[in-house]
Amino acid sequence: MTPIIRLATEQDIPHLLPLMRALAEFEHYLDVFAVDEHVLREQGFRKDPPDFSALVAEQGGNLVGMLVFYLVPFTATAKPTLYIKELYVTEAARGQQIGEGLMRAAAREAAARGCGSVRWTVANWNTAGQRFYERLGAQANPIWIDYGLSGAALAALAEPSTELRE
């Protein structure tokens, strides 16, 4: 049965949340996963513009995959970038080209929105994911290193009295 790939709607929230939770478990961050139906509703479907959009793959009336993205509105190329935050296909639906279908739909969204590029990150331990993206023609970026701040480090940097040392 061929899946239907479409933009998620507010009615998808109860079925989208378990996919997000499954991804959090797969990527080992379930301990900090704070997304719930209220967050999805407010940030994705009621906020204008939304904080994120999502594509879903529906098969037999069930959601079997998702791709969550947002737009970075301005970049050096003077075109937005579509940034993929999450891509997940249920284990039972893997091997049916659903991930590829979601990526193709994301590429169509990027083209329709005038984006100059599509970007994402993949965990260094996720070799299957890396092979999947490379099969689609993606290339790892050997120049940029992904950095982040969270928790105590973010709070410390936000403090006005904190002195930075190089």
N, C-alpha and C. Protein backbone atom coordinates (compact mmCIF):
# COMPACT_ATOMS: atom_id res chain seq x y z
N MET A 1 0.84 -1.17 0.00
CA MET A 1 0.00 0.00 0.00
C MET A 1 0.90 1.24 0.00
N THR A 2 0.67 2.12 -0.95
CA THR A 2 1.48 3.33 -1.10
C THR A 2 1.06 4.36 -0.05
N PRO A 3 2.03 4.91 0.66
CA PRO A 3 1.68 5.92 1.68
C PRO A 3 1.30 7.25 1.03
N ILE A 4 0.49 8.00 1.73
CA ILE A 4 0.15 9.36 1.34
C ILE A 4 1.04 10.28 2.16
N ILE A 5 1.77 11.15 1.48
CA ILE A 5 2.64 12.10 2.18
C ILE A 5 2.01 13.47 2.03
N ARG A 6 1.83 14.13 3.16
CA ARG A 6 1.12 15.42 3.17
C ARG A 6 1.60 16.26 4.35
N LEU A 7 1.23 17.54 4.32
CA LEU A 7 1.51 18.40 5.48
C LEU A 7 0.63 17.96 6.65
N ALA A 8 1.19 17.95 7.82
CA ALA A 8 0.44 17.59 9.02
C ALA A 8 -0.60 18.66 9.31
N THR A 9 -1.69 18.22 9.91
CA THR A 9 -2.75 19.13 10.37
C THR A 9 -2.86 19.01 11.89
N GLU A 10 -3.60 19.91 12.47
CA GLU A 10 -3.80 19.88 13.92
C GLU A 10 -4.44 18.55 14.36
N GLN A 11 -5.25 17.97 13.50
CA GLN A 11 -5.90 16.71 13.84
C GLN A 11 -4.90 15.55 13.93
N ASP A 12 -3.71 15.72 13.38
CA ASP A 12 -2.68 14.67 13.44
C ASP A 12 -1.94 14.62 14.76
N ILE A 13 -2.10 15.63 15.60
CA ILE A 13 -1.29 15.74 16.81
C ILE A 13 -1.28 14.46 17.66
N PRO A 14 -2.42 13.83 17.96
CA PRO A 14 -2.36 12.62 18.80
C PRO A 14 -1.56 11.48 18.18
N HIS A 15 -1.40 11.49 16.86
CA HIS A 15 -0.66 10.43 16.17
C HIS A 15 0.78 10.86 15.86
N LEU A 16 1.02 12.17 15.83
CA LEU A 16 2.35 12.71 15.58
C LEU A 16 3.22 12.61 16.83
N LEU A 17 2.63 12.86 17.97
CA LEU A 17 3.38 12.84 19.23
C LEU A 17 4.07 11.49 19.50
N PRO A 18 3.41 10.35 19.29
CA PRO A 18 4.11 9.07 19.51
C PRO A 18 5.30 8.87 18.57
N LEU A 19 5.23 9.40 17.35
CA LEU A 19 6.37 9.31 16.44
C LEU A 19 7.53 10.14 16.98
N MET A 20 7.23 11.33 17.49
CA MET A 20 8.28 12.18 18.06
C MET A 20 8.90 11.52 19.28
N ARG A 21 8.07 10.91 20.10
CA ARG A 21 8.57 10.23 21.29
C ARG A 21 9.45 9.03 20.90
N ALA A 22 9.04 8.30 19.88
CA ALA A 22 9.84 7.16 19.41
C ALA A 22 11.19 7.62 18.88
N LEU A 23 11.22 8.76 18.19
CA LEU A 23 12.50 9.30 17.73
C LEU A 23 13.38 9.69 18.92
N ALA A 24 12.78 10.32 19.92
CA ALA A 24 13.54 10.71 21.11
C ALA A 24 14.15 9.48 21.79
N GLU A 25 13.42 8.39 21.80
CA GLU A 25 13.96 7.15 22.37
C GLU A 25 15.10 6.61 21.49
N PHE A 26 14.90 6.60 20.18
CA PHE A 26 15.92 6.10 19.25
C PHE A 26 17.21 6.92 19.35
N GLU A 27 17.06 8.24 19.50
CA GLU A 27 18.23 9.13 19.53
C GLU A 27 18.73 9.40 20.95
N HIS A 28 18.18 8.71 21.94
CA HIS A 28 18.69 8.74 23.32
C HIS A 28 18.51 10.09 24.01
N TYR A 29 17.40 10.78 23.77
CA TYR A 29 17.13 12.01 24.52
C TYR A 29 15.73 12.02 25.13
N LEU A 30 15.20 10.83 25.37
CA LEU A 30 13.87 10.73 25.97
C LEU A 30 13.83 11.36 27.36
N ASP A 31 14.96 11.38 28.06
CA ASP A 31 15.01 11.94 29.41
C ASP A 31 14.77 13.45 29.43
N VAL A 32 14.97 14.14 28.31
CA VAL A 32 14.73 15.58 28.26
C VAL A 32 13.57 15.94 27.33
N PHE A 33 12.88 14.95 26.80
CA PHE A 33 11.78 15.16 25.86
C PHE A 33 10.62 15.83 26.59
N ALA A 34 10.26 17.04 26.17
CA ALA A 34 9.24 17.82 26.86
C ALA A 34 8.05 18.16 25.96
N VAL A 35 7.98 17.58 24.79
CA VAL A 35 6.90 17.88 23.86
C VAL A 35 5.64 17.15 24.29
N ASP A 36 4.53 17.88 24.26
CA ASP A 36 3.23 17.25 24.51
C ASP A 36 2.23 17.81 23.50
N GLU A 37 1.00 17.36 23.57
CA GLU A 37 0.00 17.79 22.58
C GLU A 37 -0.21 19.30 22.62
N HIS A 38 -0.20 19.89 23.80
CA HIS A 38 -0.38 21.34 23.92
C HIS A 38 0.74 22.09 23.20
N VAL A 39 1.98 21.67 23.41
CA VAL A 39 3.12 22.31 22.75
C VAL A 39 2.98 22.21 21.24
N LEU A 40 2.66 21.02 20.75
CA LEU A 40 2.50 20.84 19.30
C LEU A 40 1.40 21.75 18.75
N ARG A 41 0.28 21.77 19.43
CA ARG A 41 -0.86 22.58 18.98
C ARG A 41 -0.50 24.06 18.93
N GLU A 42 0.06 24.57 20.03
CA GLU A 42 0.34 26.00 20.11
C GLU A 42 1.48 26.43 19.19
N GLN A 43 2.56 25.67 19.18
CA GLN A 43 3.74 26.10 18.43
C GLN A 43 3.71 25.72 16.96
N GLY A 44 2.95 24.70 16.62
CA GLY A 44 2.94 24.26 15.24
C GLY A 44 1.70 24.63 14.44
N PHE A 45 0.58 24.84 15.15
CA PHE A 45 -0.66 25.02 14.40
C PHE A 45 -1.44 26.27 14.77
N ARG A 46 -1.15 26.88 15.91
CA ARG A 46 -1.91 28.07 16.30
C ARG A 46 -1.07 29.34 16.24
N LYS A 47 0.24 29.21 16.27
CA LYS A 47 1.15 30.35 16.23
C LYS A 47 1.32 30.79 14.77
N ASP A 48 1.38 32.11 14.55
CA ASP A 48 1.54 32.61 13.19
C ASP A 48 2.69 33.60 13.12
N PRO A 49 3.80 33.26 12.48
CA PRO A 49 4.05 32.00 11.80
C PRO A 49 4.36 30.90 12.81
N PRO A 50 4.17 29.66 12.41
CA PRO A 50 4.44 28.54 13.32
C PRO A 50 5.94 28.37 13.56
N ASP A 51 6.27 27.78 14.70
CA ASP A 51 7.67 27.48 15.01
C ASP A 51 8.19 26.32 14.15
N PHE A 52 7.29 25.47 13.69
CA PHE A 52 7.69 24.33 12.87
C PHE A 52 6.53 23.92 11.98
N SER A 53 6.85 23.17 10.97
CA SER A 53 5.85 22.49 10.13
C SER A 53 6.25 21.03 10.09
N ALA A 54 5.32 20.19 9.69
CA ALA A 54 5.63 18.76 9.61
C ALA A 54 4.97 18.14 8.40
N LEU A 55 5.69 17.23 7.81
CA LEU A 55 5.14 16.36 6.78
C LEU A 55 4.90 15.02 7.43
N VAL A 56 3.84 14.34 7.07
CA VAL A 56 3.56 13.02 7.62
C VAL A 56 3.33 12.04 6.48
N ALA A 57 3.66 10.79 6.76
CA ALA A 57 3.38 9.69 5.84
C ALA A 57 2.27 8.86 6.48
N GLU A 58 1.17 8.75 5.75
CA GLU A 58 0.00 8.03 6.24
C GLU A 58 -0.18 6.76 5.39
N GLN A 59 -0.33 5.65 6.07
CA GLN A 59 -0.50 4.38 5.37
C GLN A 59 -1.58 3.58 6.10
N GLY A 60 -2.61 3.21 5.38
CA GLY A 60 -3.70 2.45 5.99
C GLY A 60 -4.38 3.18 7.12
N GLY A 61 -4.44 4.50 7.05
CA GLY A 61 -5.08 5.29 8.10
C GLY A 61 -4.21 5.59 9.30
N ASN A 62 -2.96 5.13 9.29
CA ASN A 62 -2.04 5.37 10.41
C ASN A 62 -0.85 6.19 9.95
N LEU A 63 -0.33 7.03 10.85
CA LEU A 63 0.90 7.76 10.55
C LEU A 63 2.07 6.81 10.78
N VAL A 64 2.91 6.66 9.75
CA VAL A 64 4.04 5.75 9.85
C VAL A 64 5.37 6.48 9.70
N GLY A 65 5.31 7.79 9.47
CA GLY A 65 6.53 8.56 9.34
C GLY A 65 6.26 10.04 9.46
N MET A 66 7.31 10.79 9.80
CA MET A 66 7.18 12.24 9.93
C MET A 66 8.51 12.89 9.57
N LEU A 67 8.40 14.13 9.15
CA LEU A 67 9.57 14.97 8.91
C LEU A 67 9.18 16.36 9.42
N VAL A 68 9.86 16.80 10.47
CA VAL A 68 9.59 18.10 11.09
C VAL A 68 10.62 19.08 10.57
N PHE A 69 10.15 20.25 10.14
CA PHE A 69 11.08 21.24 9.59
C PHE A 69 10.67 22.65 9.99
N TYR A 70 11.61 23.56 9.82
CA TYR A 70 11.32 24.98 9.98
C TYR A 70 12.17 25.73 8.97
N LEU A 71 11.86 26.99 8.79
CA LEU A 71 12.59 27.81 7.83
C LEU A 71 13.51 28.77 8.56
N VAL A 72 14.72 28.87 8.07
CA VAL A 72 15.65 29.92 8.47
C VAL A 72 15.46 30.98 7.39
N PRO A 73 14.82 32.11 7.73
CA PRO A 73 14.35 33.02 6.69
C PRO A 73 15.42 33.74 5.90
N PHE A 74 16.60 33.92 6.44
CA PHE A 74 17.60 34.69 5.71
C PHE A 74 18.96 34.06 5.91
N THR A 75 19.65 33.87 4.83
CA THR A 75 20.99 33.30 4.89
C THR A 75 21.89 34.12 3.97
N ALA A 76 23.13 33.76 3.88
CA ALA A 76 24.10 34.49 3.06
C ALA A 76 23.70 34.52 1.59
N THR A 77 22.91 33.55 1.16
CA THR A 77 22.48 33.52 -0.24
C THR A 77 21.25 34.38 -0.50
N ALA A 78 20.75 35.05 0.53
CA ALA A 78 19.53 35.87 0.46
C ALA A 78 18.30 35.03 0.12
N LYS A 79 18.37 33.74 0.42
CA LYS A 79 17.25 32.83 0.25
C LYS A 79 17.08 32.05 1.55
N PRO A 80 15.86 31.69 1.88
CA PRO A 80 15.69 30.89 3.10
C PRO A 80 16.27 29.49 2.95
N THR A 81 16.50 28.86 4.10
CA THR A 81 16.93 27.47 4.16
C THR A 81 15.83 26.68 4.86
N LEU A 82 15.47 25.55 4.30
CA LEU A 82 14.56 24.64 4.98
C LEU A 82 15.44 23.74 5.84
N TYR A 83 15.22 23.78 7.16
CA TYR A 83 16.02 23.00 8.09
C TYR A 83 15.18 21.83 8.61
N ILE A 84 15.65 20.63 8.35
CA ILE A 84 14.97 19.43 8.83
C ILE A 84 15.44 19.17 10.25
N LYS A 85 14.50 19.18 11.18
CA LYS A 85 14.83 18.94 12.58
C LYS A 85 14.69 17.48 12.94
N GLU A 86 13.66 16.81 12.39
CA GLU A 86 13.42 15.42 12.74
C GLU A 86 12.89 14.65 11.53
N LEU A 87 13.40 13.47 11.34
CA LEU A 87 12.89 12.53 10.34
C LEU A 87 12.80 11.18 11.02
N TYR A 88 11.61 10.59 10.96
CA TYR A 88 11.43 9.30 11.62
C TYR A 88 10.40 8.48 10.84
N VAL A 89 10.71 7.21 10.67
CA VAL A 89 9.80 6.24 10.07
C VAL A 89 9.71 5.08 11.05
N THR A 90 8.50 4.61 11.33
CA THR A 90 8.34 3.50 12.26
C THR A 90 9.12 2.29 11.77
N GLU A 91 9.55 1.49 12.71
CA GLU A 91 10.35 0.33 12.36
C GLU A 91 9.61 -0.59 11.39
N ALA A 92 8.31 -0.77 11.60
CA ALA A 92 7.52 -1.66 10.74
C ALA A 92 7.41 -1.13 9.31
N ALA A 93 7.55 0.18 9.12
CA ALA A 93 7.39 0.79 7.79
C ALA A 93 8.71 1.04 7.08
N ARG A 94 9.82 0.73 7.73
CA ARG A 94 11.13 0.96 7.10
C ARG A 94 11.33 0.02 5.92
N GLY A 95 12.14 0.48 4.97
CA GLY A 95 12.42 -0.32 3.79
C GLY A 95 11.37 -0.19 2.70
N GLN A 96 10.40 0.72 2.88
CA GLN A 96 9.33 0.92 1.91
C GLN A 96 9.45 2.27 1.20
N GLN A 97 10.61 2.92 1.31
CA GLN A 97 10.91 4.21 0.68
C GLN A 97 10.06 5.36 1.25
N ILE A 98 9.58 5.20 2.46
CA ILE A 98 8.80 6.26 3.10
C ILE A 98 9.71 7.43 3.48
N GLY A 99 10.89 7.12 4.00
CA GLY A 99 11.85 8.18 4.32
C GLY A 99 12.22 8.97 3.08
N GLU A 100 12.45 8.27 2.00
CA GLU A 100 12.77 8.95 0.74
C GLU A 100 11.60 9.81 0.29
N GLY A 101 10.39 9.30 0.42
CA GLY A 101 9.21 10.08 0.05
C GLY A 101 9.09 11.34 0.88
N LEU A 102 9.38 11.24 2.18
CA LEU A 102 9.34 12.42 3.05
C LEU A 102 10.41 13.43 2.65
N MET A 103 11.61 12.93 2.33
CA MET A 103 12.69 13.83 1.90
C MET A 103 12.34 14.51 0.57
N ARG A 104 11.74 13.77 -0.35
CA ARG A 104 11.33 14.37 -1.62
C ARG A 104 10.26 15.44 -1.40
N ALA A 105 9.33 15.16 -0.49
CA ALA A 105 8.29 16.15 -0.17
C ALA A 105 8.92 17.39 0.47
N ALA A 106 9.93 17.20 1.31
CA ALA A 106 10.63 18.34 1.90
C ALA A 106 11.34 19.16 0.82
N ALA A 107 11.94 18.48 -0.15
CA ALA A 107 12.60 19.18 -1.24
C ALA A 107 11.58 19.99 -2.05
N ARG A 108 10.39 19.42 -2.26
CA ARG A 108 9.34 20.16 -2.98
C ARG A 108 8.88 21.37 -2.16
N GLU A 109 8.75 21.20 -0.84
CA GLU A 109 8.39 22.34 0.03
C GLU A 109 9.45 23.43 -0.07
N ALA A 110 10.72 23.03 -0.04
CA ALA A 110 11.82 24.00 -0.14
C ALA A 110 11.74 24.76 -1.46
N ALA A 111 11.52 24.06 -2.54
CA ALA A 111 11.43 24.71 -3.85
C ALA A 111 10.23 25.66 -3.90
N ALA A 112 9.10 25.22 -3.37
CA ALA A 112 7.89 26.05 -3.38
C ALA A 112 8.05 27.30 -2.54
N ARG A 113 8.88 27.24 -1.50
CA ARG A 113 9.08 28.38 -0.60
C ARG A 113 10.30 29.21 -0.99
N GLY A 114 10.89 28.92 -2.13
CA GLY A 114 12.03 29.70 -2.61
C GLY A 114 13.32 29.49 -1.85
N CYS A 115 13.47 28.35 -1.23
CA CYS A 115 14.67 28.07 -0.44
C CYS A 115 15.87 27.80 -1.35
N GLY A 116 17.03 28.18 -0.87
CA GLY A 116 18.26 27.92 -1.58
C GLY A 116 18.93 26.63 -1.17
N SER A 117 18.51 26.06 -0.02
CA SER A 117 19.11 24.81 0.43
C SER A 117 18.20 24.13 1.46
N VAL A 118 18.49 22.86 1.68
CA VAL A 118 17.88 22.07 2.74
C VAL A 118 19.03 21.55 3.58
N ARG A 119 18.93 21.67 4.89
CA ARG A 119 20.01 21.25 5.78
C ARG A 119 19.43 20.44 6.94
N TRP A 120 20.29 19.63 7.55
CA TRP A 120 19.94 18.86 8.73
C TRP A 120 21.21 18.31 9.35
N THR A 121 21.07 17.72 10.52
CA THR A 121 22.20 17.04 11.15
C THR A 121 21.81 15.58 11.37
N VAL A 122 22.81 14.75 11.50
CA VAL A 122 22.59 13.33 11.80
C VAL A 122 23.65 12.92 12.82
N ALA A 123 23.24 12.10 13.76
CA ALA A 123 24.18 11.67 14.80
C ALA A 123 25.34 10.89 14.19
N ASN A 124 26.54 11.09 14.74
CA ASN A 124 27.71 10.43 14.18
C ASN A 124 27.64 8.91 14.32
N TRP A 125 26.86 8.40 15.26
CA TRP A 125 26.71 6.96 15.44
C TRP A 125 25.64 6.37 14.52
N ASN A 126 24.84 7.21 13.86
CA ASN A 126 23.73 6.74 13.04
C ASN A 126 24.22 6.49 11.60
N THR A 127 25.00 5.43 11.44
CA THR A 127 25.57 5.14 10.12
C THR A 127 24.51 4.76 9.09
N ALA A 128 23.44 4.12 9.53
CA ALA A 128 22.36 3.79 8.59
C ALA A 128 21.72 5.08 8.06
N GLY A 129 21.52 6.05 8.94
CA GLY A 129 20.98 7.34 8.51
C GLY A 129 21.92 8.05 7.56
N GLN A 130 23.19 8.00 7.85
CA GLN A 130 24.18 8.64 6.97
C GLN A 130 24.16 8.00 5.58
N ARG A 131 24.12 6.68 5.53
CA ARG A 131 24.05 5.98 4.23
C ARG A 131 22.78 6.36 3.48
N PHE A 132 21.66 6.45 4.19
CA PHE A 132 20.39 6.83 3.58
C PHE A 132 20.51 8.21 2.93
N TYR A 133 21.00 9.19 3.67
CA TYR A 133 21.11 10.55 3.13
C TYR A 133 22.09 10.61 1.95
N GLU A 134 23.19 9.91 2.05
CA GLU A 134 24.17 9.91 0.96
C GLU A 134 23.59 9.24 -0.29
N ARG A 135 22.75 8.23 -0.12
CA ARG A 135 22.09 7.59 -1.25
C ARG A 135 21.19 8.58 -1.99
N LEU A 136 20.64 9.55 -1.25
CA LEU A 136 19.79 10.57 -1.86
C LEU A 136 20.59 11.68 -2.53
N GLY A 137 21.91 11.66 -2.37
CA GLY A 137 22.75 12.68 -2.98
C GLY A 137 23.28 13.71 -2.00
N ALA A 138 22.96 13.58 -0.72
CA ALA A 138 23.44 14.52 0.29
C ALA A 138 24.92 14.28 0.57
N GLN A 139 25.58 15.33 0.99
CA GLN A 139 26.99 15.24 1.35
C GLN A 139 27.19 15.80 2.75
N ALA A 140 28.03 15.13 3.52
CA ALA A 140 28.38 15.64 4.85
C ALA A 140 29.16 16.94 4.67
N ASN A 141 28.98 17.86 5.58
CA ASN A 141 29.69 19.13 5.53
C ASN A 141 30.98 19.00 6.33
N PRO A 142 32.13 18.98 5.65
CA PRO A 142 33.39 18.80 6.37
C PRO A 142 33.94 20.09 6.98
N ILE A 143 33.27 21.20 6.77
CA ILE A 143 33.80 22.49 7.20
C ILE A 143 33.21 22.95 8.53
N TRP A 144 31.91 22.81 8.69
CA TRP A 144 31.24 23.35 9.87
C TRP A 144 31.09 22.29 10.95
N ILE A 145 31.31 22.69 12.19
CA ILE A 145 31.15 21.82 13.35
C ILE A 145 29.93 22.30 14.10
N ASP A 146 29.06 21.39 14.47
CA ASP A 146 27.82 21.69 15.16
C ASP A 146 28.11 21.95 16.64
N TYR A 147 27.76 23.12 17.13
CA TYR A 147 27.92 23.47 18.55
C TYR A 147 26.56 23.77 19.16
N GLY A 148 26.48 23.75 20.47
CA GLY A 148 25.24 24.09 21.14
C GLY A 148 25.47 24.45 22.59
N LEU A 149 24.51 25.15 23.14
CA LEU A 149 24.48 25.49 24.57
C LEU A 149 23.16 25.01 25.14
N SER A 150 23.18 24.46 26.32
CA SER A 150 21.95 24.09 27.01
C SER A 150 22.23 24.00 28.50
N GLY A 151 21.18 23.84 29.24
CA GLY A 151 21.29 23.64 30.68
C GLY A 151 22.08 24.73 31.38
N ALA A 152 22.99 24.32 32.26
CA ALA A 152 23.76 25.25 33.08
C ALA A 152 24.64 26.18 32.23
N ALA A 153 25.20 25.66 31.14
CA ALA A 153 26.05 26.50 30.29
C ALA A 153 25.24 27.63 29.65
N LEU A 154 24.03 27.33 29.21
CA LEU A 154 23.16 28.36 28.63
C LEU A 154 22.77 29.38 29.69
N ALA A 155 22.38 28.91 30.87
CA ALA A 155 22.00 29.82 31.95
C ALA A 155 23.16 30.72 32.35
N ALA A 156 24.36 30.16 32.43
CA ALA A 156 25.54 30.95 32.82
C ALA A 156 25.84 32.02 31.78
N LEU A 157 25.75 31.68 30.51
CA LEU A 157 26.04 32.65 29.46
C LEU A 157 24.98 33.75 29.43
N ALA A 158 23.76 33.42 29.80
CA ALA A 158 22.68 34.41 29.79
C ALA A 158 22.76 35.39 30.96
N GLU A 159 23.49 35.04 32.00
CA GLU A 159 23.62 35.91 33.17
C GLU A 159 24.36 37.19 32.79
N PRO A 160 23.82 38.36 33.12
CA PRO A 160 24.47 39.61 32.75
C PRO A 160 25.81 39.83 33.45
N SER A 161 26.00 39.21 34.61
CA SER A 161 27.23 39.44 35.37
C SER A 161 28.34 38.45 35.01
N THR A 162 28.05 37.50 34.17
CA THR A 162 29.04 36.48 33.81
C THR A 162 30.11 37.09 32.90
N GLU A 163 31.35 36.92 33.29
CA GLU A 163 32.44 37.38 32.44
C GLU A 163 32.91 36.23 31.57
N LEU A 164 33.12 36.54 30.32
CA LEU A 164 33.62 35.52 29.39
C LEU A 164 35.12 35.61 29.28
N ARG A 165 35.75 34.49 29.23
CA ARG A 165 37.19 34.44 29.05
C ARG A 165 37.47 33.64 27.78
N GLU A 166 38.41 34.09 27.02
CA GLU A 166 38.75 33.39 25.78
C GLU A 166 39.83 32.38 26.04
